[in-house]
């Protein structure tokens, strides 16, 4: 008898974690016998739901980035390195100060080019 009830509880928690609906009896049984297991099943369900939503957002971002890169490639057609000259370079050095101590952070550079006009 004990193992049958435990099996029902386990199956109900699995059902809940998958996002399936529970009957009021199943929900009451889990809450009475294993309230922590109920909370864990809810957390797993929510994590799966958030993962799906984040996956959709990531997919939209990937498509936007791909579209942007396609546009850049299209605009760059016909332009070669011989047609460009270095216009400038920007260097950024991140520093933070803790009292009298300076900490060097990230160093980055960005070059700016322009198309030669003759």
PDB file of N, CA and C in Angstrom:
ATOM      1  N   UNK A   1       0.833  -1.195   0.000  1.00  0.00           N
ATOM      2  CA  UNK A   1       0.000   0.000   0.000  1.00  0.00           C
ATOM      3  C   UNK A   1       0.872   1.251   0.000  1.00  0.00           C
ATOM      4  N   UNK A   2       1.902   1.269   0.833  1.00  0.00           N
ATOM      5  CA  UNK A   2       2.782   2.424   0.941  1.00  0.00           C
ATOM      6  C   UNK A   2       3.471   2.706  -0.397  1.00  0.00           C
ATOM      7  N   UNK A   3       3.958   1.638  -1.053  1.00  0.00           N
ATOM      8  CA  UNK A   3       4.666   1.820  -2.311  1.00  0.00           C
ATOM      9  C   UNK A   3       3.739   2.292  -3.419  1.00  0.00           C
ATOM     10  N   UNK A   4       2.504   1.877  -3.399  1.00  0.00           N
ATOM     11  CA  UNK A   4       1.520   2.331  -4.394  1.00  0.00           C
ATOM     12  C   UNK A   4       1.289   3.829  -4.246  1.00  0.00           C
ATOM     13  N   UNK A   5       1.156   4.316  -3.011  1.00  0.00           N
ATOM     14  CA  UNK A   5       0.956   5.747  -2.778  1.00  0.00           C
ATOM     15  C   UNK A   5       2.186   6.541  -3.199  1.00  0.00           C
ATOM     16  N   UNK A   6       3.372   6.016  -2.875  1.00  0.00           N
ATOM     17  CA  UNK A   6       4.614   6.693  -3.264  1.00  0.00           C
ATOM     18  C   UNK A   6       4.730   6.747  -4.784  1.00  0.00           C
ATOM     19  N   UNK A   7       4.327   5.688  -5.441  1.00  0.00           N
ATOM     20  CA  UNK A   7       4.364   5.661  -6.906  1.00  0.00           C
ATOM     21  C   UNK A   7       3.411   6.713  -7.484  1.00  0.00           C
ATOM     22  N   UNK A   8       2.227   6.828  -6.907  1.00  0.00           N
ATOM     23  CA  UNK A   8       1.262   7.836  -7.354  1.00  0.00           C
ATOM     24  C   UNK A   8       1.817   9.246  -7.159  1.00  0.00           C
ATOM     25  N   UNK A   9       2.436   9.472  -6.014  1.00  0.00           N
ATOM     26  CA  UNK A   9       3.017  10.785  -5.726  1.00  0.00           C
ATOM     27  C   UNK A   9       4.125  11.106  -6.731  1.00  0.00           C
ATOM     28  N   UNK A  10       4.989  10.135  -6.957  1.00  0.00           N
ATOM     29  CA  UNK A  10       6.092  10.333  -7.891  1.00  0.00           C
ATOM     30  C   UNK A  10       5.573  10.617  -9.306  1.00  0.00           C
ATOM     31  N   UNK A  11       4.585   9.857  -9.749  1.00  0.00           N
ATOM     32  CA  UNK A  11       4.006  10.068 -11.082  1.00  0.00           C
ATOM     33  C   UNK A  11       3.338  11.444 -11.174  1.00  0.00           C
ATOM     34  N   UNK A  12       2.689  11.852 -10.114  1.00  0.00           N
ATOM     35  CA  UNK A  12       2.031  13.161 -10.102  1.00  0.00           C
ATOM     36  C   UNK A  12       3.051  14.291 -10.151  1.00  0.00           C
ATOM     37  N   UNK A  13       4.157  14.144  -9.412  1.00  0.00           N
ATOM     38  CA  UNK A  13       5.208  15.163  -9.445  1.00  0.00           C
ATOM     39  C   UNK A  13       5.843  15.241 -10.831  1.00  0.00           C
ATOM     40  N   UNK A  14       6.037  14.108 -11.453  1.00  0.00           N
ATOM     41  CA  UNK A  14       6.579  14.074 -12.806  1.00  0.00           C
ATOM     42  C   UNK A  14       5.630  14.768 -13.780  1.00  0.00           C
ATOM     43  N   UNK A  15       4.359  14.471 -13.633  1.00  0.00           N
ATOM     44  CA  UNK A  15       3.320  15.097 -14.466  1.00  0.00           C
ATOM     45  C   UNK A  15       3.339  16.624 -14.279  1.00  0.00           C
ATOM     46  N   UNK A  16       3.427  17.070 -13.047  1.00  0.00           N
ATOM     47  CA  UNK A  16       3.454  18.499 -12.727  1.00  0.00           C
ATOM     48  C   UNK A  16       4.700  19.163 -13.309  1.00  0.00           C
ATOM     49  N   UNK A  17       5.842  18.503 -13.183  1.00  0.00           N
ATOM     50  CA  UNK A  17       7.089  19.086 -13.695  1.00  0.00           C
ATOM     51  C   UNK A  17       7.084  19.186 -15.217  1.00  0.00           C
ATOM     52  N   UNK A  18       6.298  18.356 -15.883  1.00  0.00           N
ATOM     53  CA  UNK A  18       6.183  18.416 -17.345  1.00  0.00           C
ATOM     54  C   UNK A  18       5.193  19.487 -17.795  1.00  0.00           C
ATOM     55  N   UNK A  19       4.479  20.084 -16.826  1.00  0.00           N
ATOM     56  CA  UNK A  19       3.518  21.129 -17.162  1.00  0.00           C
ATOM     57  C   UNK A  19       2.121  20.596 -17.416  1.00  0.00           C
ATOM     58  N   UNK A  20       1.903  19.350 -17.104  1.00  0.00           N
ATOM     59  CA  UNK A  20       0.585  18.758 -17.279  1.00  0.00           C
ATOM     60  C   UNK A  20      -0.309  19.128 -16.101  1.00  0.00           C
ATOM     61  N   UNK A  21      -1.630  19.095 -16.316  1.00  0.00           N
ATOM     62  CA  UNK A  21      -2.593  19.429 -15.265  1.00  0.00           C
ATOM     63  C   UNK A  21      -2.732  18.256 -14.296  1.00  0.00           C
ATOM     64  N   UNK A  22      -2.888  18.606 -13.025  1.00  0.00           N
ATOM     65  CA  UNK A  22      -3.145  17.605 -11.984  1.00  0.00           C
ATOM     66  C   UNK A  22      -4.607  17.676 -11.575  1.00  0.00           C
ATOM     67  N   UNK A  23      -5.119  16.555 -11.153  1.00  0.00           N
ATOM     68  CA  UNK A  23      -6.460  16.568 -10.581  1.00  0.00           C
ATOM     69  C   UNK A  23      -6.351  17.172  -9.187  1.00  0.00           C
ATOM     70  N   UNK A  24      -7.435  17.702  -8.656  1.00  0.00           N
ATOM     71  CA  UNK A  24      -7.375  18.249  -7.290  1.00  0.00           C
ATOM     72  C   UNK A  24      -6.899  17.203  -6.272  1.00  0.00           C
ATOM     73  N   UNK A  25      -7.263  15.939  -6.484  1.00  0.00           N
ATOM     74  CA  UNK A  25      -6.856  14.875  -5.560  1.00  0.00           C
ATOM     75  C   UNK A  25      -5.341  14.660  -5.625  1.00  0.00           C
ATOM     76  N   UNK A  26      -4.778  14.674  -6.848  1.00  0.00           N
ATOM     77  CA  UNK A  26      -3.338  14.484  -6.996  1.00  0.00           C
ATOM     78  C   UNK A  26      -2.578  15.644  -6.339  1.00  0.00           C
ATOM     79  N   UNK A  27      -3.053  16.844  -6.587  1.00  0.00           N
ATOM     80  CA  UNK A  27      -2.396  18.015  -6.020  1.00  0.00           C
ATOM     81  C   UNK A  27      -2.442  17.983  -4.490  1.00  0.00           C
ATOM     82  N   UNK A  28      -3.587  17.638  -3.924  1.00  0.00           N
ATOM     83  CA  UNK A  28      -3.743  17.562  -2.471  1.00  0.00           C
ATOM     84  C   UNK A  28      -2.826  16.484  -1.886  1.00  0.00           C
ATOM     85  N   UNK A  29      -2.743  15.347  -2.577  1.00  0.00           N
ATOM     86  CA  UNK A  29      -1.922  14.239  -2.097  1.00  0.00           C
ATOM     87  C   UNK A  29      -0.444  14.657  -2.032  1.00  0.00           C
ATOM     88  N   UNK A  30       0.041  15.330  -3.086  1.00  0.00           N
ATOM     89  CA  UNK A  30       1.450  15.759  -3.093  1.00  0.00           C
ATOM     90  C   UNK A  30       1.687  16.796  -1.997  1.00  0.00           C
ATOM     91  N   UNK A  31       0.792  17.782  -1.912  1.00  0.00           N
ATOM     92  CA  UNK A  31       0.969  18.844  -0.918  1.00  0.00           C
ATOM     93  C   UNK A  31       0.986  18.304   0.506  1.00  0.00           C
ATOM     94  N   UNK A  32       0.176  17.296   0.782  1.00  0.00           N
ATOM     95  CA  UNK A  32       0.127  16.721   2.125  1.00  0.00           C
ATOM     96  C   UNK A  32       1.332  15.822   2.415  1.00  0.00           C
ATOM     97  N   UNK A  33       1.733  15.032   1.428  1.00  0.00           N
ATOM     98  CA  UNK A  33       2.779  14.026   1.656  1.00  0.00           C
ATOM     99  C   UNK A  33       4.198  14.509   1.351  1.00  0.00           C
ATOM    100  N   UNK A  34       4.321  15.442   0.380  1.00  0.00           N
ATOM    101  CA  UNK A  34       5.660  15.879  -0.032  1.00  0.00           C
ATOM    102  C   UNK A  34       5.623  17.326  -0.529  1.00  0.00           C
ATOM    103  N   UNK A  35       5.421  18.289   0.391  1.00  0.00           N
ATOM    104  CA  UNK A  35       5.334  19.691  -0.031  1.00  0.00           C
ATOM    105  C   UNK A  35       6.618  20.203  -0.699  1.00  0.00           C
ATOM    106  N   UNK A  36       7.782  19.724  -0.248  1.00  0.00           N
ATOM    107  CA  UNK A  36       9.039  20.139  -0.873  1.00  0.00           C
ATOM    108  C   UNK A  36       9.142  19.581  -2.296  1.00  0.00           C
ATOM    109  N   UNK A  37       8.690  18.362  -2.484  1.00  0.00           N
ATOM    110  CA  UNK A  37       8.678  17.753  -3.823  1.00  0.00           C
ATOM    111  C   UNK A  37       7.750  18.510  -4.762  1.00  0.00           C
ATOM    112  N   UNK A  38       6.641  19.003  -4.212  1.00  0.00           N
ATOM    113  CA  UNK A  38       5.693  19.806  -4.995  1.00  0.00           C
ATOM    114  C   UNK A  38       6.380  21.082  -5.473  1.00  0.00           C
ATOM    115  N   UNK A  39       7.067  21.763  -4.565  1.00  0.00           N
ATOM    116  CA  UNK A  39       7.775  22.999  -4.919  1.00  0.00           C
ATOM    117  C   UNK A  39       8.864  22.725  -5.956  1.00  0.00           C
ATOM    118  N   UNK A  40       9.578  21.612  -5.805  1.00  0.00           N
ATOM    119  CA  UNK A  40      10.632  21.260  -6.754  1.00  0.00           C
ATOM    120  C   UNK A  40      10.040  21.000  -8.143  1.00  0.00           C
ATOM    121  N   UNK A  41       8.918  20.319  -8.205  1.00  0.00           N
ATOM    122  CA  UNK A  41       8.270  20.041  -9.492  1.00  0.00           C
ATOM    123  C   UNK A  41       7.825  21.343 -10.161  1.00  0.00           C
ATOM    124  N   UNK A  42       7.315  22.291  -9.368  1.00  0.00           N
ATOM    125  CA  UNK A  42       6.916  23.602  -9.894  1.00  0.00           C
ATOM    126  C   UNK A  42       8.139  24.341 -10.438  1.00  0.00           C
ATOM    127  N   UNK A  43       9.250  24.296  -9.691  1.00  0.00           N
ATOM    128  CA  UNK A  43      10.483  24.961 -10.139  1.00  0.00           C
ATOM    129  C   UNK A  43      10.978  24.374 -11.453  1.00  0.00           C
ATOM    130  N   UNK A  44      10.960  23.053 -11.580  1.00  0.00           N
ATOM    131  CA  UNK A  44      11.405  22.391 -12.817  1.00  0.00           C
ATOM    132  C   UNK A  44      10.515  22.801 -13.974  1.00  0.00           C
ATOM    133  N   UNK A  45       9.206  22.828 -13.740  1.00  0.00           N
ATOM    134  CA  UNK A  45       8.259  23.243 -14.783  1.00  0.00           C
ATOM    135  C   UNK A  45       8.554  24.666 -15.248  1.00  0.00           C
ATOM    136  N   UNK A  46       8.783  25.568 -14.293  1.00  0.00           N
ATOM    137  CA  UNK A  46       9.060  26.963 -14.635  1.00  0.00           C
ATOM    138  C   UNK A  46      10.393  27.115 -15.365  1.00  0.00           C
ATOM    139  N   UNK A  47      11.387  26.333 -14.970  1.00  0.00           N
ATOM    140  CA  UNK A  47      12.683  26.395 -15.654  1.00  0.00           C
ATOM    141  C   UNK A  47      12.541  25.957 -17.111  1.00  0.00           C
ATOM    142  N   UNK A  48      11.772  24.895 -17.342  1.00  0.00           N
ATOM    143  CA  UNK A  48      11.552  24.424 -18.715  1.00  0.00           C
ATOM    144  C   UNK A  48      10.813  25.479 -19.531  1.00  0.00           C
ATOM    145  N   UNK A  49       9.824  26.111 -18.911  1.00  0.00           N
ATOM    146  CA  UNK A  49       9.044  27.145 -19.580  1.00  0.00           C
ATOM    147  C   UNK A  49       9.940  28.327 -19.951  1.00  0.00           C
ATOM    148  N   UNK A  50      10.773  28.773 -18.997  1.00  0.00           N
ATOM    149  CA  UNK A  50      11.691  29.890 -19.248  1.00  0.00           C
ATOM    150  C   UNK A  50      12.714  29.538 -20.323  1.00  0.00           C
ATOM    151  N   UNK A  51      13.165  28.287 -20.328  1.00  0.00           N
ATOM    152  CA  UNK A  51      14.142  27.859 -21.329  1.00  0.00           C
ATOM    153  C   UNK A  51      13.533  27.948 -22.727  1.00  0.00           C
ATOM    154  N   UNK A  52      12.272  27.548 -22.859  1.00  0.00           N
ATOM    155  CA  UNK A  52      11.596  27.626 -24.158  1.00  0.00           C
ATOM    156  C   UNK A  52      11.454  29.075 -24.595  1.00  0.00           C
ATOM    157  N   UNK A  53      11.067  29.961 -23.671  1.00  0.00           N
ATOM    158  CA  UNK A  53      10.909  31.379 -23.998  1.00  0.00           C
ATOM    159  C   UNK A  53      12.247  31.999 -24.375  1.00  0.00           C
ATOM    160  N   UNK A  54      13.304  31.667 -23.628  1.00  0.00           N
ATOM    161  CA  UNK A  54      14.639  32.188 -23.939  1.00  0.00           C
ATOM    162  C   UNK A  54      15.117  31.677 -25.282  1.00  0.00           C
ATOM    163  N   UNK A  55      14.757  30.437 -25.613  1.00  0.00           N
ATOM    164  CA  UNK A  55      15.139  29.859 -26.896  1.00  0.00           C
ATOM    165  C   UNK A  55      14.479  30.626 -28.036  1.00  0.00           C
ATOM    166  N   UNK A  56      13.210  31.022 -27.855  1.00  0.00           N
ATOM    167  CA  UNK A  56      12.503  31.792 -28.882  1.00  0.00           C
ATOM    168  C   UNK A  56      13.156  33.158 -29.056  1.00  0.00           C
ATOM    169  N   UNK A  57      13.482  33.814 -27.955  1.00  0.00           N
ATOM    170  CA  UNK A  57      14.131  35.129 -28.009  1.00  0.00           C
ATOM    171  C   UNK A  57      15.484  35.006 -28.687  1.00  0.00           C
ATOM    172  N   UNK A  58      16.249  33.978 -28.329  1.00  0.00           N
ATOM    173  CA  UNK A  58      17.567  33.765 -28.916  1.00  0.00           C
ATOM    174  C   UNK A  58      17.447  33.537 -30.418  1.00  0.00           C
ATOM    175  N   UNK A  59      16.433  32.799 -30.827  1.00  0.00           N
ATOM    176  CA  UNK A  59      16.210  32.535 -32.250  1.00  0.00           C
ATOM    177  C   UNK A  59      15.927  33.833 -33.003  1.00  0.00           C
ATOM    178  N   UNK A  60      15.119  34.696 -32.411  1.00  0.00           N
ATOM    179  CA  UNK A  60      14.799  35.997 -33.029  1.00  0.00           C
ATOM    180  C   UNK A  60      16.062  36.848 -33.128  1.00  0.00           C
ATOM    181  N   UNK A  61      16.867  36.861 -32.060  1.00  0.00           N
ATOM    182  CA  UNK A  61      18.113  37.624 -32.070  1.00  0.00           C
ATOM    183  C   UNK A  61      19.073  37.091 -33.131  1.00  0.00           C
ATOM    184  N   UNK A  62      19.168  35.755 -33.236  1.00  0.00           N
ATOM    185  CA  UNK A  62      20.044  35.152 -34.235  1.00  0.00           C
ATOM    186  C   UNK A  62      19.629  35.561 -35.645  1.00  0.00           C
ATOM    187  N   UNK A  63      18.319  35.562 -35.905  1.00  0.00           N
ATOM    188  CA  UNK A  63      17.833  35.958 -37.226  1.00  0.00           C
ATOM    189  C   UNK A  63      18.146  37.421 -37.504  1.00  0.00           C
ATOM    190  N   UNK A  64      18.000  38.284 -36.511  1.00  0.00           N
ATOM    191  CA  UNK A  64      18.294  39.704 -36.679  1.00  0.00           C
ATOM    192  C   UNK A  64      19.785  39.911 -36.949  1.00  0.00           C
ATOM    193  N   UNK A  65      20.634  39.203 -36.217  1.00  0.00           N
ATOM    194  CA  UNK A  65      22.076  39.308 -36.430  1.00  0.00           C
ATOM    195  C   UNK A  65      22.453  38.804 -37.822  1.00  0.00           C
ATOM    196  N   UNK A  66      21.854  37.697 -38.217  1.00  0.00           N
ATOM    197  CA  UNK A  66      22.126  37.137 -39.545  1.00  0.00           C
ATOM    198  C   UNK A  66      21.707  38.112 -40.642  1.00  0.00           C
ATOM    199  N   UNK A  67      20.559  38.729 -40.473  1.00  0.00           N
ATOM    200  CA  UNK A  67      20.082  39.715 -41.436  1.00  0.00           C
ATOM    201  C   UNK A  67      21.025  40.910 -41.503  1.00  0.00           C
ATOM    202  N   UNK A  68      21.478  41.372 -40.341  1.00  0.00           N
ATOM    203  CA  UNK A  68      22.402  42.503 -40.279  1.00  0.00           C
ATOM    204  C   UNK A  68      23.718  42.160 -40.982  1.00  0.00           C
ATOM    205  N   UNK A  69      24.250  40.958 -40.724  1.00  0.00           N
ATOM    206  CA  UNK A  69      25.497  40.545 -41.355  1.00  0.00           C
ATOM    207  C   UNK A  69      25.325  40.421 -42.861  1.00  0.00           C
ATOM    208  N   UNK A  70      24.185  39.893 -43.317  1.00  0.00           N
ATOM    209  CA  UNK A  70      23.911  39.808 -44.752  1.00  0.00           C
ATOM    210  C   UNK A  70      23.908  41.197 -45.379  1.00  0.00           C
ATOM    211  N   UNK A  71      23.310  42.159 -44.689  1.00  0.00           N
ATOM    212  CA  UNK A  71      23.270  43.539 -45.178  1.00  0.00           C
ATOM    213  C   UNK A  71      24.684  44.115 -45.272  1.00  0.00           C
ATOM    214  N   UNK A  72      25.517  43.859 -44.248  1.00  0.00           N
ATOM    215  CA  UNK A  72      26.896  44.346 -44.283  1.00  0.00           C
ATOM    216  C   UNK A  72      27.678  43.731 -45.433  1.00  0.00           C
ATOM    217  N   UNK A  73      27.502  42.434 -45.642  1.00  0.00           N
ATOM    218  CA  UNK A  73      28.196  41.774 -46.751  1.00  0.00           C
ATOM    219  C   UNK A  73      27.755  42.363 -48.097  1.00  0.00           C
ATOM    220  N   UNK A  74      26.481  42.620 -48.215  1.00  0.00           N
ATOM    221  CA  UNK A  74      25.960  43.197 -49.461  1.00  0.00           C
ATOM    222  C   UNK A  74      26.555  44.590 -49.689  1.00  0.00           C
ATOM    223  N   UNK A  75      26.617  45.391 -48.636  1.00  0.00           N
ATOM    224  CA  UNK A  75      27.168  46.747 -48.760  1.00  0.00           C
ATOM    225  C   UNK A  75      28.664  46.720 -49.056  1.00  0.00           C
ATOM    226  N   UNK A  76      29.361  45.662 -48.614  1.00  0.00           N
ATOM    227  CA  UNK A  76      30.806  45.589 -48.788  1.00  0.00           C
ATOM    228  C   UNK A  76      31.215  45.023 -50.148  1.00  0.00           C
ATOM    229  N   UNK A  77      30.271  44.527 -50.935  1.00  0.00           N
ATOM    230  CA  UNK A  77      30.612  43.965 -52.243  1.00  0.00           C
ATOM    231  C   UNK A  77      31.264  45.041 -53.107  1.00  0.00           C
ATOM    232  N   UNK A  78      32.333  44.659 -53.756  1.00  0.00           N
ATOM    233  CA  UNK A  78      33.020  45.584 -54.646  1.00  0.00           C
ATOM    234  C   UNK A  78      34.027  46.461 -53.944  1.00  0.00           C
ATOM    235  N   UNK A  79      34.137  46.391 -52.645  1.00  0.00           N
ATOM    236  CA  UNK A  79      35.115  47.189 -51.909  1.00  0.00           C
ATOM    237  C   UNK A  79      36.240  46.256 -51.476  1.00  0.00           C
ATOM    238  N   UNK A  80      37.478  46.602 -51.829  1.00  0.00           N
ATOM    239  CA  UNK A  80      38.613  45.770 -51.438  1.00  0.00           C
ATOM    240  C   UNK A  80      39.513  46.565 -50.494  1.00  0.00           C
ATOM    241  N   UNK A  81      40.497  45.904 -49.922  1.00  0.00           N
ATOM    242  CA  UNK A  81      41.406  46.582 -49.013  1.00  0.00           C
ATOM    243  C   UNK A  81      42.195  47.682 -49.718  1.00  0.00           C
ATOM    244  N   UNK A  82      42.443  47.500 -51.013  1.00  0.00           N
ATOM    245  CA  UNK A  82      43.162  48.536 -51.758  1.00  0.00           C
ATOM    246  C   UNK A  82      42.345  49.822 -51.848  1.00  0.00           C
ATOM    247  N   UNK A  83      41.024  49.698 -51.728  1.00  0.00           N
ATOM    248  CA  UNK A  83      40.140  50.855 -51.821  1.00  0.00           C
ATOM    249  C   UNK A  83      39.980  51.583 -50.488  1.00  0.00           C
ATOM    250  N   UNK A  84      40.566  51.035 -49.449  1.00  0.00           N
ATOM    251  CA  UNK A  84      40.372  51.627 -48.129  1.00  0.00           C
ATOM    252  C   UNK A  84      41.688  52.143 -47.568  1.00  0.00           C
ATOM    253  N   UNK A  85      41.610  53.045 -46.667  1.00  0.00           N
ATOM    254  CA  UNK A  85      42.785  53.500 -45.937  1.00  0.00           C
ATOM    255  C   UNK A  85      42.392  53.700 -44.479  1.00  0.00           C
ATOM    256  N   UNK A  86      43.362  53.513 -43.611  1.00  0.00           N
ATOM    257  CA  UNK A  86      43.105  53.662 -42.191  1.00  0.00           C
ATOM    258  C   UNK A  86      42.826  55.124 -41.873  1.00  0.00           C
ATOM    259  N   UNK A  87      41.713  55.367 -41.266  1.00  0.00           N
ATOM    260  CA  UNK A  87      41.343  56.738 -40.901  1.00  0.00           C
ATOM    261  C   UNK A  87      41.728  57.034 -39.457  1.00  0.00           C
ATOM    262  N   UNK A  88      41.586  56.045 -38.581  1.00  0.00           N
ATOM    263  CA  UNK A  88      41.897  56.281 -37.183  1.00  0.00           C
ATOM    264  C   UNK A  88      41.794  55.013 -36.368  1.00  0.00           C
ATOM    265  N   UNK A  89      42.253  55.116 -35.150  1.00  0.00           N
ATOM    266  CA  UNK A  89      42.215  53.979 -34.237  1.00  0.00           C
ATOM    267  C   UNK A  89      41.836  54.493 -32.859  1.00  0.00           C
ATOM    268  N   UNK A  90      40.932  53.831 -32.234  1.00  0.00           N
ATOM    269  CA  UNK A  90      40.452  54.213 -30.916  1.00  0.00           C
ATOM    270  C   UNK A  90      40.873  53.122 -29.930  1.00  0.00           C
ATOM    271  N   UNK A  91      41.537  53.476 -28.847  1.00  0.00           N
ATOM    272  CA  UNK A  91      41.967  52.508 -27.839  1.00  0.00           C
ATOM    273  C   UNK A  91      41.296  52.860 -26.514  1.00  0.00           C
ATOM    274  N   UNK A  92      40.770  51.837 -25.864  1.00  0.00           N
ATOM    275  CA  UNK A  92      40.098  52.033 -24.585  1.00  0.00           C
ATOM    276  C   UNK A  92      40.802  51.171 -23.541  1.00  0.00           C
ATOM    277  N   UNK A  93      41.157  51.788 -22.444  1.00  0.00           N
ATOM    278  CA  UNK A  93      41.778  51.093 -21.327  1.00  0.00           C
ATOM    279  C   UNK A  93      40.903  51.324 -20.103  1.00  0.00           C
ATOM    280  N   UNK A  94      40.375  50.256 -19.558  1.00  0.00           N
ATOM    281  CA  UNK A  94      39.518  50.361 -18.374  1.00  0.00           C
ATOM    282  C   UNK A  94      40.373  50.250 -17.117  1.00  0.00           C
ATOM    283  N   UNK A  95      40.285  51.264 -16.265  1.00  0.00           N
ATOM    284  CA  UNK A  95      40.996  51.283 -14.990  1.00  0.00           C
ATOM    285  C   UNK A  95      39.996  51.424 -13.855  1.00  0.00           C
ATOM    286  N   UNK A  96      40.295  50.765 -12.745  1.00  0.00           N
ATOM    287  CA  UNK A  96      39.484  50.977 -11.551  1.00  0.00           C
ATOM    288  C   UNK A  96      40.438  51.230 -10.387  1.00  0.00           C
ATOM    289  N   UNK A  97      40.004  52.059  -9.480  1.00  0.00           N
ATOM    290  CA  UNK A  97      40.839  52.441  -8.349  1.00  0.00           C
ATOM    291  C   UNK A  97      40.192  51.965  -7.049  1.00  0.00           C
ATOM    292  N   UNK A  98      40.971  51.236  -6.282  1.00  0.00           N
ATOM    293  CA  UNK A  98      40.551  50.781  -4.962  1.00  0.00           C
ATOM    294  C   UNK A  98      41.513  51.400  -3.957  1.00  0.00           C
ATOM    295  N   UNK A  99      41.096  52.529  -3.390  1.00  0.00           N
ATOM    296  CA  UNK A  99      41.995  53.251  -2.489  1.00  0.00           C
ATOM    297  C   UNK A  99      43.159  53.807  -3.276  1.00  0.00           C
ATOM    298  N   UNK A 100      44.368  53.414  -2.909  1.00  0.00           N
ATOM    299  CA  UNK A 100      45.558  53.879  -3.617  1.00  0.00           C
ATOM    300  C   UNK A 100      45.993  52.911  -4.704  1.00  0.00           C
ATOM    301  N   UNK A 101      45.302  51.800  -4.833  1.00  0.00           N
ATOM    302  CA  UNK A 101      45.686  50.768  -5.784  1.00  0.00           C
ATOM    303  C   UNK A 101      44.872  50.899  -7.073  1.00  0.00           C
ATOM    304  N   UNK A 102      45.549  50.893  -8.220  1.00  0.00           N
ATOM    305  CA  UNK A 102      44.886  50.953  -9.528  1.00  0.00           C
ATOM    306  C   UNK A 102      44.872  49.547 -10.121  1.00  0.00           C
ATOM    307  N   UNK A 103      43.743  49.162 -10.671  1.00  0.00           N
ATOM    308  CA  UNK A 103      43.619  47.855 -11.291  1.00  0.00           C
ATOM    309  C   UNK A 103      43.326  48.032 -12.774  1.00  0.00           C
ATOM    310  N   UNK A 104      44.147  47.404 -13.614  1.00  0.00           N
ATOM    311  CA  UNK A 104      43.968  47.511 -15.058  1.00  0.00           C
ATOM    312  C   UNK A 104      42.945  46.475 -15.495  1.00  0.00           C
ATOM    313  N   UNK A 105      41.957  46.932 -16.237  1.00  0.00           N
ATOM    314  CA  UNK A 105      40.906  46.047 -16.733  1.00  0.00           C
ATOM    315  C   UNK A 105      41.134  45.718 -18.191  1.00  0.00           C
ATOM    316  N   UNK A 106      40.077  45.660 -18.933  1.00  0.00           N
ATOM    317  CA  UNK A 106      40.103  45.283 -20.341  1.00  0.00           C
ATOM    318  C   UNK A 106      40.698  46.392 -21.205  1.00  0.00           C
ATOM    319  N   UNK A 107      41.488  45.982 -22.193  1.00  0.00           N
ATOM    320  CA  UNK A 107      42.039  46.906 -23.176  1.00  0.00           C
ATOM    321  C   UNK A 107      41.440  46.523 -24.524  1.00  0.00           C
ATOM    322  N   UNK A 108      40.882  47.501 -25.226  1.00  0.00           N
ATOM    323  CA  UNK A 108      40.304  47.203 -26.533  1.00  0.00           C
ATOM    324  C   UNK A 108      40.664  48.296 -27.525  1.00  0.00           C
ATOM    325  N   UNK A 109      40.731  47.910 -28.790  1.00  0.00           N
ATOM    326  CA  UNK A 109      40.997  48.888 -29.849  1.00  0.00           C
ATOM    327  C   UNK A 109      39.951  48.723 -30.933  1.00  0.00           C
ATOM    328  N   UNK A 110      39.688  49.816 -31.617  1.00  0.00           N
ATOM    329  CA  UNK A 110      38.749  49.787 -32.724  1.00  0.00           C
ATOM    330  C   UNK A 110      39.322  50.667 -33.827  1.00  0.00           C
ATOM    331  N   UNK A 111      39.502  50.088 -35.002  1.00  0.00           N
ATOM    332  CA  UNK A 111      40.027  50.838 -36.127  1.00  0.00           C
ATOM    333  C   UNK A 111      38.880  51.389 -36.961  1.00  0.00           C
ATOM    334  N   UNK A 112      39.091  52.562 -37.514  1.00  0.00           N
ATOM    335  CA  UNK A 112      38.100  53.185 -38.384  1.00  0.00           C
ATOM    336  C   UNK A 112      38.693  53.303 -39.779  1.00  0.00           C
ATOM    337  N   UNK A 113      37.956  52.866 -40.769  1.00  0.00           N
ATOM    338  CA  UNK A 113      38.414  52.922 -42.144  1.00  0.00           C
ATOM    339  C   UNK A 113      37.502  53.830 -42.955  1.00  0.00           C
ATOM    340  N   UNK A 114      38.034  54.298 -44.046  1.00  0.00           N
ATOM    341  CA  UNK A 114      37.195  55.032 -44.989  1.00  0.00           C
ATOM    342  C   UNK A 114      37.601  54.614 -46.396  1.00  0.00           C
ATOM    343  N   UNK A 115      36.714  54.776 -47.327  1.00  0.00           N
ATOM    344  CA  UNK A 115      36.978  54.421 -48.717  1.00  0.00           C
ATOM    345  C   UNK A 115      37.738  55.573 -49.366  1.00  0.00           C
ATOM    346  N   UNK A 116      38.795  55.210 -50.100  1.00  0.00           N
ATOM    347  CA  UNK A 116      39.574  56.232 -50.802  1.00  0.00           C
ATOM    348  C   UNK A 116      38.729  56.887 -51.865  1.00  0.00           C
ATOM    349  N   UNK A 117      38.845  58.166 -51.964  1.00  0.00           N
ATOM    350  CA  UNK A 117      38.162  58.910 -53.019  1.00  0.00           C
ATOM    351  C   UNK A 117      39.221  59.624 -53.840  1.00  0.00           C
ATOM    352  N   UNK A 118      39.280  59.287 -55.109  1.00  0.00           N
ATOM    353  CA  UNK A 118      40.309  59.911 -55.978  1.00  0.00           C
ATOM    354  C   UNK A 118      39.686  60.788 -57.016  1.00  0.00           C
TER     355      UNK A 118
END
